[in-house]
Amino acid sequence: MSVSAVGLTPRRRPWVAYAAASWALIFCAFHIVWAAGWYVGLDSVQARVAFAKPWFMAYDLVVVGMCAVAVPLALALGMQWGRRVPRRVLGSLAGIGTGLLVLRAVASLIQTAYLLVTGQFVLRQMGIWEPWFYMGAILFGSNLWSYWRRPRSA
């Protein structure tokens, strides 16, 4: 009988790992669709101009790769099989990804504050992508925080 079966330790709930992995999977799918030329959720005229530039297409494909790595990484933080990866390696990779998301979200919040102060803010221009980054930063941050708080033997 395991320790958690007798109620001595709280049972882990890996929902945040599933949520973070789902966030990365959805974002990966959007970037693949955009790279293929279907600009769902974007202004099609601006997107067509942006994706015509080789460096922007390369950036988009790098994001696809990052998201493809983020899915199993997010799951590894909350799943039993993730313990096979050295704790510092897994935590460091997750920290880098989380840091990038937090940096992107903070930059967006600073820009939004600036636009509000100067009277140039238009909610319609914000779209769904800014809150999407906020959600990703929160999910990956929560997942990483939960991972580091968990005892090594858990």
N, C-alpha and C. Protein backbone atom coordinates (compact mmCIF):
# COMPACT_ATOMS: atom_id res chain seq x y z
N MET A 1 0.86 -1.18 0.00
CA MET A 1 0.00 0.00 0.00
C MET A 1 0.90 1.24 0.00
N SER A 2 0.61 2.16 -0.88
CA SER A 2 1.44 3.36 -0.98
C SER A 2 1.08 4.37 0.11
N VAL A 3 2.00 5.30 0.32
CA VAL A 3 1.81 6.34 1.33
C VAL A 3 0.58 7.18 0.99
N SER A 4 0.41 7.51 -0.30
CA SER A 4 -0.74 8.35 -0.67
C SER A 4 -2.05 7.59 -0.53
N ALA A 5 -1.99 6.25 -0.63
CA ALA A 5 -3.22 5.47 -0.51
C ALA A 5 -3.78 5.53 0.90
N VAL A 6 -2.93 5.68 1.89
CA VAL A 6 -3.40 5.76 3.27
C VAL A 6 -3.65 7.19 3.71
N GLY A 7 -3.43 8.14 2.81
CA GLY A 7 -3.77 9.52 3.09
C GLY A 7 -2.70 10.32 3.81
N LEU A 8 -1.46 9.84 3.85
CA LEU A 8 -0.42 10.57 4.55
C LEU A 8 0.14 11.74 3.75
N THR A 9 0.06 11.69 2.45
CA THR A 9 0.51 12.81 1.63
C THR A 9 -0.59 13.18 0.65
N PRO A 10 -0.71 14.45 0.34
CA PRO A 10 -1.75 14.83 -0.61
C PRO A 10 -1.44 14.26 -2.00
N ARG A 11 -2.47 13.84 -2.68
CA ARG A 11 -2.31 13.30 -4.02
C ARG A 11 -2.04 14.45 -4.98
N ARG A 12 -1.03 14.27 -5.82
CA ARG A 12 -0.73 15.30 -6.80
C ARG A 12 -1.82 15.35 -7.85
N ARG A 13 -2.13 16.55 -8.28
CA ARG A 13 -3.10 16.75 -9.33
C ARG A 13 -2.39 17.42 -10.50
N PRO A 14 -2.08 16.66 -11.53
CA PRO A 14 -1.27 17.21 -12.63
C PRO A 14 -2.08 18.02 -13.64
N TRP A 15 -3.22 18.59 -13.23
CA TRP A 15 -4.05 19.32 -14.20
C TRP A 15 -3.29 20.49 -14.82
N VAL A 16 -2.42 21.15 -14.04
CA VAL A 16 -1.70 22.30 -14.58
C VAL A 16 -0.70 21.84 -15.64
N ALA A 17 -0.14 20.65 -15.49
CA ALA A 17 0.76 20.11 -16.52
C ALA A 17 -0.02 19.83 -17.80
N TYR A 18 -1.20 19.26 -17.67
CA TYR A 18 -2.06 19.02 -18.84
C TYR A 18 -2.46 20.34 -19.50
N ALA A 19 -2.80 21.32 -18.69
CA ALA A 19 -3.23 22.61 -19.23
C ALA A 19 -2.09 23.31 -19.96
N ALA A 20 -0.89 23.30 -19.38
CA ALA A 20 0.26 23.94 -20.02
C ALA A 20 0.62 23.22 -21.32
N ALA A 21 0.59 21.89 -21.30
CA ALA A 21 0.88 21.12 -22.51
C ALA A 21 -0.17 21.40 -23.59
N SER A 22 -1.42 21.50 -23.18
CA SER A 22 -2.49 21.81 -24.15
C SER A 22 -2.29 23.20 -24.74
N TRP A 23 -1.91 24.16 -23.91
CA TRP A 23 -1.64 25.51 -24.39
C TRP A 23 -0.56 25.48 -25.47
N ALA A 24 0.53 24.77 -25.20
CA ALA A 24 1.64 24.69 -26.15
C ALA A 24 1.22 23.96 -27.43
N LEU A 25 0.43 22.91 -27.29
CA LEU A 25 -0.03 22.16 -28.46
C LEU A 25 -0.92 23.01 -29.36
N ILE A 26 -1.83 23.74 -28.76
CA ILE A 26 -2.71 24.63 -29.53
C ILE A 26 -1.90 25.72 -30.22
N PHE A 27 -0.95 26.31 -29.50
CA PHE A 27 -0.14 27.37 -30.08
C PHE A 27 0.73 26.82 -31.22
N CYS A 28 1.24 25.61 -31.05
CA CYS A 28 2.02 24.95 -32.10
C CYS A 28 1.14 24.76 -33.35
N ALA A 29 -0.07 24.30 -33.15
CA ALA A 29 -0.98 24.09 -34.28
C ALA A 29 -1.25 25.39 -35.03
N PHE A 30 -1.48 26.48 -34.30
CA PHE A 30 -1.70 27.77 -34.95
C PHE A 30 -0.50 28.19 -35.78
N HIS A 31 0.70 28.01 -35.24
CA HIS A 31 1.90 28.41 -35.99
C HIS A 31 2.11 27.54 -37.23
N ILE A 32 1.76 26.28 -37.16
CA ILE A 32 1.84 25.41 -38.34
C ILE A 32 0.85 25.89 -39.40
N VAL A 33 -0.36 26.19 -38.97
CA VAL A 33 -1.39 26.67 -39.89
C VAL A 33 -0.96 27.99 -40.53
N TRP A 34 -0.39 28.89 -39.73
CA TRP A 34 0.06 30.18 -40.26
C TRP A 34 1.21 29.98 -41.26
N ALA A 35 2.14 29.09 -40.94
CA ALA A 35 3.26 28.83 -41.85
C ALA A 35 2.76 28.24 -43.17
N ALA A 36 1.63 27.54 -43.11
CA ALA A 36 1.05 26.94 -44.32
C ALA A 36 0.27 27.97 -45.15
N GLY A 37 0.11 29.17 -44.62
CA GLY A 37 -0.55 30.23 -45.38
C GLY A 37 -2.00 30.49 -45.03
N TRP A 38 -2.49 29.88 -43.99
CA TRP A 38 -3.87 30.12 -43.56
C TRP A 38 -3.79 30.96 -42.29
N TYR A 39 -4.20 32.21 -42.35
CA TYR A 39 -3.94 33.18 -41.28
C TYR A 39 -5.12 33.35 -40.32
N VAL A 40 -5.51 32.26 -39.72
CA VAL A 40 -6.60 32.24 -38.75
C VAL A 40 -6.22 33.09 -37.54
N GLY A 41 -7.09 34.02 -37.17
CA GLY A 41 -6.85 34.86 -36.00
C GLY A 41 -5.89 36.01 -36.23
N LEU A 42 -5.43 36.18 -37.46
CA LEU A 42 -4.51 37.28 -37.79
C LEU A 42 -5.15 38.14 -38.88
N ASP A 43 -4.68 39.36 -38.98
CA ASP A 43 -5.07 40.21 -40.10
C ASP A 43 -4.40 39.62 -41.34
N SER A 44 -5.19 39.16 -42.31
CA SER A 44 -4.63 38.41 -43.43
C SER A 44 -3.68 39.23 -44.30
N VAL A 45 -3.96 40.52 -44.48
CA VAL A 45 -3.10 41.36 -45.31
C VAL A 45 -1.74 41.54 -44.63
N GLN A 46 -1.74 41.90 -43.36
CA GLN A 46 -0.49 42.08 -42.62
C GLN A 46 0.27 40.76 -42.50
N ALA A 47 -0.45 39.67 -42.27
CA ALA A 47 0.19 38.36 -42.13
C ALA A 47 0.85 37.93 -43.44
N ARG A 48 0.17 38.15 -44.55
CA ARG A 48 0.73 37.78 -45.86
C ARG A 48 2.04 38.53 -46.11
N VAL A 49 2.09 39.80 -45.77
CA VAL A 49 3.30 40.60 -45.94
C VAL A 49 4.40 40.08 -45.00
N ALA A 50 4.05 39.80 -43.75
CA ALA A 50 5.04 39.34 -42.77
C ALA A 50 5.61 37.98 -43.17
N PHE A 51 4.74 37.05 -43.54
CA PHE A 51 5.20 35.70 -43.85
C PHE A 51 5.92 35.61 -45.19
N ALA A 52 5.87 36.65 -46.00
CA ALA A 52 6.63 36.68 -47.25
C ALA A 52 8.11 36.89 -46.98
N LYS A 53 8.45 37.38 -45.80
CA LYS A 53 9.86 37.60 -45.43
C LYS A 53 10.44 36.28 -44.92
N PRO A 54 11.55 35.85 -45.49
CA PRO A 54 12.13 34.56 -45.07
C PRO A 54 12.45 34.48 -43.57
N TRP A 55 12.94 35.57 -42.98
CA TRP A 55 13.28 35.53 -41.56
C TRP A 55 12.04 35.34 -40.70
N PHE A 56 10.90 35.87 -41.13
CA PHE A 56 9.68 35.73 -40.34
C PHE A 56 9.16 34.29 -40.42
N MET A 57 9.27 33.69 -41.58
CA MET A 57 8.88 32.28 -41.73
C MET A 57 9.80 31.41 -40.87
N ALA A 58 11.10 31.72 -40.85
CA ALA A 58 12.04 30.97 -40.02
C ALA A 58 11.69 31.13 -38.54
N TYR A 59 11.36 32.35 -38.14
CA TYR A 59 10.93 32.61 -36.76
C TYR A 59 9.72 31.75 -36.41
N ASP A 60 8.75 31.72 -37.32
CA ASP A 60 7.53 30.96 -37.09
C ASP A 60 7.85 29.47 -36.91
N LEU A 61 8.75 28.96 -37.72
CA LEU A 61 9.12 27.55 -37.63
C LEU A 61 9.91 27.26 -36.35
N VAL A 62 10.69 28.22 -35.89
CA VAL A 62 11.39 28.07 -34.61
C VAL A 62 10.37 27.99 -33.47
N VAL A 63 9.33 28.81 -33.55
CA VAL A 63 8.27 28.77 -32.53
C VAL A 63 7.57 27.42 -32.56
N VAL A 64 7.34 26.87 -33.75
CA VAL A 64 6.74 25.53 -33.86
C VAL A 64 7.62 24.52 -33.12
N GLY A 65 8.94 24.59 -33.35
CA GLY A 65 9.85 23.67 -32.67
C GLY A 65 9.84 23.85 -31.17
N MET A 66 9.83 25.10 -30.72
CA MET A 66 9.80 25.37 -29.28
C MET A 66 8.52 24.83 -28.65
N CYS A 67 7.41 25.02 -29.33
CA CYS A 67 6.14 24.52 -28.81
C CYS A 67 6.11 22.99 -28.81
N ALA A 68 6.70 22.39 -29.84
CA ALA A 68 6.75 20.92 -29.90
C ALA A 68 7.58 20.36 -28.75
N VAL A 69 8.61 21.06 -28.32
CA VAL A 69 9.40 20.65 -27.16
C VAL A 69 8.64 20.94 -25.87
N ALA A 70 7.88 22.03 -25.85
CA ALA A 70 7.18 22.45 -24.64
C ALA A 70 6.08 21.48 -24.22
N VAL A 71 5.47 20.78 -25.17
CA VAL A 71 4.39 19.85 -24.82
C VAL A 71 4.90 18.73 -23.91
N PRO A 72 5.89 17.93 -24.34
CA PRO A 72 6.35 16.88 -23.42
C PRO A 72 7.07 17.44 -22.19
N LEU A 73 7.69 18.59 -22.33
CA LEU A 73 8.36 19.22 -21.19
C LEU A 73 7.34 19.57 -20.10
N ALA A 74 6.23 20.19 -20.50
CA ALA A 74 5.18 20.53 -19.53
C ALA A 74 4.61 19.28 -18.87
N LEU A 75 4.42 18.24 -19.65
CA LEU A 75 3.90 17.00 -19.09
C LEU A 75 4.91 16.35 -18.14
N ALA A 76 6.19 16.40 -18.50
CA ALA A 76 7.23 15.78 -17.67
C ALA A 76 7.29 16.41 -16.27
N LEU A 77 6.96 17.70 -16.19
CA LEU A 77 7.00 18.36 -14.88
C LEU A 77 5.95 17.81 -13.92
N GLY A 78 4.85 17.30 -14.46
CA GLY A 78 3.77 16.84 -13.59
C GLY A 78 3.54 15.35 -13.58
N MET A 79 4.26 14.61 -14.41
CA MET A 79 4.02 13.18 -14.53
C MET A 79 5.13 12.35 -13.88
N GLN A 80 4.80 11.15 -13.53
CA GLN A 80 5.74 10.22 -12.92
C GLN A 80 6.95 9.97 -13.82
N TRP A 81 6.72 9.80 -15.11
CA TRP A 81 7.82 9.49 -16.03
C TRP A 81 8.81 10.64 -16.18
N GLY A 82 8.43 11.84 -15.78
CA GLY A 82 9.33 12.98 -15.85
C GLY A 82 10.49 12.87 -14.87
N ARG A 83 10.38 11.99 -13.89
CA ARG A 83 11.46 11.81 -12.91
C ARG A 83 12.69 11.13 -13.49
N ARG A 84 12.54 10.56 -14.67
CA ARG A 84 13.69 9.93 -15.33
C ARG A 84 14.69 10.97 -15.83
N VAL A 85 14.22 12.18 -16.03
CA VAL A 85 15.08 13.28 -16.49
C VAL A 85 15.68 13.95 -15.26
N PRO A 86 16.99 14.24 -15.28
CA PRO A 86 17.57 14.92 -14.12
C PRO A 86 16.81 16.19 -13.77
N ARG A 87 16.56 16.36 -12.50
CA ARG A 87 15.73 17.47 -11.99
C ARG A 87 16.22 18.84 -12.45
N ARG A 88 17.51 19.07 -12.40
CA ARG A 88 18.04 20.39 -12.81
C ARG A 88 17.88 20.63 -14.30
N VAL A 89 18.06 19.59 -15.09
CA VAL A 89 17.91 19.73 -16.55
C VAL A 89 16.46 20.08 -16.89
N LEU A 90 15.53 19.30 -16.35
CA LEU A 90 14.11 19.52 -16.61
C LEU A 90 13.67 20.89 -16.10
N GLY A 91 14.07 21.21 -14.88
CA GLY A 91 13.71 22.50 -14.30
C GLY A 91 14.31 23.68 -15.04
N SER A 92 15.55 23.51 -15.51
CA SER A 92 16.20 24.59 -16.25
C SER A 92 15.53 24.84 -17.60
N LEU A 93 15.25 23.76 -18.33
CA LEU A 93 14.56 23.91 -19.62
C LEU A 93 13.19 24.56 -19.43
N ALA A 94 12.46 24.10 -18.42
CA ALA A 94 11.15 24.68 -18.15
C ALA A 94 11.28 26.14 -17.71
N GLY A 95 12.31 26.45 -16.97
CA GLY A 95 12.54 27.83 -16.52
C GLY A 95 12.82 28.76 -17.69
N ILE A 96 13.59 28.29 -18.66
CA ILE A 96 13.87 29.11 -19.84
C ILE A 96 12.59 29.39 -20.61
N GLY A 97 11.80 28.35 -20.86
CA GLY A 97 10.54 28.53 -21.57
C GLY A 97 9.57 29.43 -20.82
N THR A 98 9.47 29.21 -19.53
CA THR A 98 8.58 30.03 -18.70
C THR A 98 9.06 31.48 -18.70
N GLY A 99 10.38 31.66 -18.59
CA GLY A 99 10.94 33.02 -18.60
C GLY A 99 10.62 33.76 -19.89
N LEU A 100 10.70 33.06 -21.02
CA LEU A 100 10.36 33.69 -22.31
C LEU A 100 8.89 34.11 -22.35
N LEU A 101 8.02 33.25 -21.84
CA LEU A 101 6.60 33.59 -21.82
C LEU A 101 6.31 34.76 -20.88
N VAL A 102 6.94 34.74 -19.72
CA VAL A 102 6.75 35.83 -18.76
C VAL A 102 7.29 37.14 -19.32
N LEU A 103 8.45 37.08 -19.96
CA LEU A 103 9.03 38.27 -20.58
C LEU A 103 8.09 38.84 -21.64
N ARG A 104 7.54 37.97 -22.47
CA ARG A 104 6.61 38.41 -23.52
C ARG A 104 5.34 39.01 -22.91
N ALA A 105 4.83 38.40 -21.87
CA ALA A 105 3.62 38.90 -21.22
C ALA A 105 3.87 40.24 -20.54
N VAL A 106 4.99 40.37 -19.86
CA VAL A 106 5.32 41.63 -19.18
C VAL A 106 5.50 42.75 -20.20
N ALA A 107 6.18 42.46 -21.30
CA ALA A 107 6.36 43.47 -22.35
C ALA A 107 5.00 43.92 -22.90
N SER A 108 4.09 42.98 -23.05
CA SER A 108 2.74 43.32 -23.52
C SER A 108 2.02 44.21 -22.51
N LEU A 109 2.15 43.88 -21.24
CA LEU A 109 1.49 44.69 -20.21
C LEU A 109 2.07 46.10 -20.15
N ILE A 110 3.39 46.22 -20.32
CA ILE A 110 4.02 47.54 -20.34
C ILE A 110 3.52 48.34 -21.54
N GLN A 111 3.46 47.69 -22.70
CA GLN A 111 2.97 48.38 -23.89
C GLN A 111 1.51 48.80 -23.71
N THR A 112 0.69 47.92 -23.15
CA THR A 112 -0.72 48.24 -22.92
C THR A 112 -0.84 49.42 -21.95
N ALA A 113 -0.05 49.42 -20.89
CA ALA A 113 -0.08 50.54 -19.94
C ALA A 113 0.31 51.84 -20.62
N TYR A 114 1.34 51.79 -21.46
CA TYR A 114 1.76 52.98 -22.20
C TYR A 114 0.64 53.48 -23.10
N LEU A 115 0.01 52.58 -23.82
CA LEU A 115 -1.07 52.98 -24.71
C LEU A 115 -2.26 53.55 -23.94
N LEU A 116 -2.53 52.98 -22.76
CA LEU A 116 -3.61 53.52 -21.93
C LEU A 116 -3.29 54.94 -21.45
N VAL A 117 -2.07 55.14 -20.97
CA VAL A 117 -1.66 56.44 -20.45
C VAL A 117 -1.67 57.51 -21.54
N THR A 118 -1.26 57.13 -22.73
CA THR A 118 -1.21 58.10 -23.83
C THR A 118 -2.53 58.24 -24.58
N GLY A 119 -3.54 57.47 -24.17
CA GLY A 119 -4.86 57.56 -24.80
C GLY A 119 -4.93 56.91 -26.17
N GLN A 120 -4.00 56.01 -26.48
CA GLN A 120 -3.97 55.36 -27.79
C GLN A 120 -4.48 53.92 -27.76
N PHE A 121 -4.89 53.45 -26.59
CA PHE A 121 -5.30 52.05 -26.44
C PHE A 121 -6.61 51.79 -27.16
N VAL A 122 -6.62 50.72 -27.95
CA VAL A 122 -7.83 50.25 -28.62
C VAL A 122 -7.95 48.75 -28.33
N LEU A 123 -8.99 48.37 -27.62
CA LEU A 123 -9.17 46.98 -27.20
C LEU A 123 -9.16 46.04 -28.40
N ARG A 124 -9.76 46.44 -29.48
CA ARG A 124 -9.85 45.59 -30.68
C ARG A 124 -8.46 45.21 -31.19
N GLN A 125 -7.49 46.11 -31.07
CA GLN A 125 -6.14 45.82 -31.55
C GLN A 125 -5.43 44.80 -30.68
N MET A 126 -5.84 44.68 -29.44
CA MET A 126 -5.21 43.71 -28.55
C MET A 126 -5.51 42.29 -29.02
N GLY A 127 -6.70 42.04 -29.47
CA GLY A 127 -7.06 40.72 -29.97
C GLY A 127 -7.01 39.66 -28.88
N ILE A 128 -6.93 38.41 -29.35
CA ILE A 128 -6.91 37.30 -28.39
C ILE A 128 -5.49 36.87 -28.04
N TRP A 129 -4.50 37.34 -28.78
CA TRP A 129 -3.15 36.80 -28.59
C TRP A 129 -2.46 37.35 -27.35
N GLU A 130 -2.75 38.56 -26.97
CA GLU A 130 -2.11 39.07 -25.74
C GLU A 130 -2.59 38.29 -24.52
N PRO A 131 -3.90 38.14 -24.31
CA PRO A 131 -4.35 37.31 -23.18
C PRO A 131 -3.86 35.86 -23.29
N TRP A 132 -3.68 35.38 -24.52
CA TRP A 132 -3.17 34.02 -24.72
C TRP A 132 -1.77 33.88 -24.12
N PHE A 133 -0.93 34.89 -24.32
CA PHE A 133 0.41 34.86 -23.73
C PHE A 133 0.34 34.97 -22.21
N TYR A 134 -0.57 35.77 -21.69
CA TYR A 134 -0.73 35.87 -20.24
C TYR A 134 -1.08 34.49 -19.67
N MET A 135 -2.02 33.81 -20.34
CA MET A 135 -2.45 32.50 -19.87
C MET A 135 -1.29 31.50 -19.93
N GLY A 136 -0.51 31.53 -21.01
CA GLY A 136 0.64 30.63 -21.12
C GLY A 136 1.66 30.87 -20.03
N ALA A 137 1.94 32.13 -19.75
CA ALA A 137 2.90 32.47 -18.69
C ALA A 137 2.40 31.97 -17.33
N ILE A 138 1.12 32.13 -17.08
CA ILE A 138 0.55 31.68 -15.80
C ILE A 138 0.58 30.16 -15.70
N LEU A 139 0.19 29.47 -16.78
CA LEU A 139 0.17 28.00 -16.74
C LEU A 139 1.57 27.42 -16.59
N PHE A 140 2.51 27.89 -17.41
CA PHE A 140 3.86 27.35 -17.32
C PHE A 140 4.52 27.76 -16.00
N GLY A 141 4.27 28.98 -15.53
CA GLY A 141 4.80 29.41 -14.24
C GLY A 141 4.25 28.57 -13.10
N SER A 142 2.96 28.30 -13.11
CA SER A 142 2.35 27.46 -12.07
C SER A 142 2.88 26.04 -12.11
N ASN A 143 3.04 25.52 -13.32
CA ASN A 143 3.55 24.16 -13.48
C ASN A 143 4.99 24.07 -12.95
N LEU A 144 5.81 25.04 -13.28
CA LEU A 144 7.19 25.05 -12.82
C LEU A 144 7.26 25.24 -11.30
N TRP A 145 6.45 26.13 -10.79
CA TRP A 145 6.42 26.36 -9.34
C TRP A 145 6.03 25.08 -8.61
N SER A 146 5.01 24.39 -9.11
CA SER A 146 4.58 23.13 -8.51
C SER A 146 5.69 22.08 -8.56
N TYR A 147 6.42 22.06 -9.67
CA TYR A 147 7.52 21.10 -9.83
C TYR A 147 8.61 21.34 -8.80
N TRP A 148 9.01 22.60 -8.61
CA TRP A 148 10.09 22.88 -7.66
C TRP A 148 9.64 22.71 -6.22
N ARG A 149 8.37 22.86 -5.95
CA ARG A 149 7.85 22.71 -4.58
C ARG A 149 7.71 21.24 -4.18
N ARG A 150 7.61 20.38 -5.16
CA ARG A 150 7.44 18.96 -4.89
C ARG A 150 8.76 18.39 -4.35
N PRO A 151 8.70 17.60 -3.28
CA PRO A 151 9.93 17.00 -2.77
C PRO A 151 10.56 16.07 -3.81
N ARG A 152 11.85 15.92 -3.75
CA ARG A 152 12.57 15.07 -4.71
C ARG A 152 12.05 13.63 -4.71
N SER A 153 11.66 13.14 -3.58
CA SER A 153 11.21 11.75 -3.49
C SER A 153 9.75 11.57 -3.88
N ALA A 154 9.02 12.69 -4.06
CA ALA A 154 7.59 12.57 -4.37
C ALA A 154 7.38 11.97 -5.74
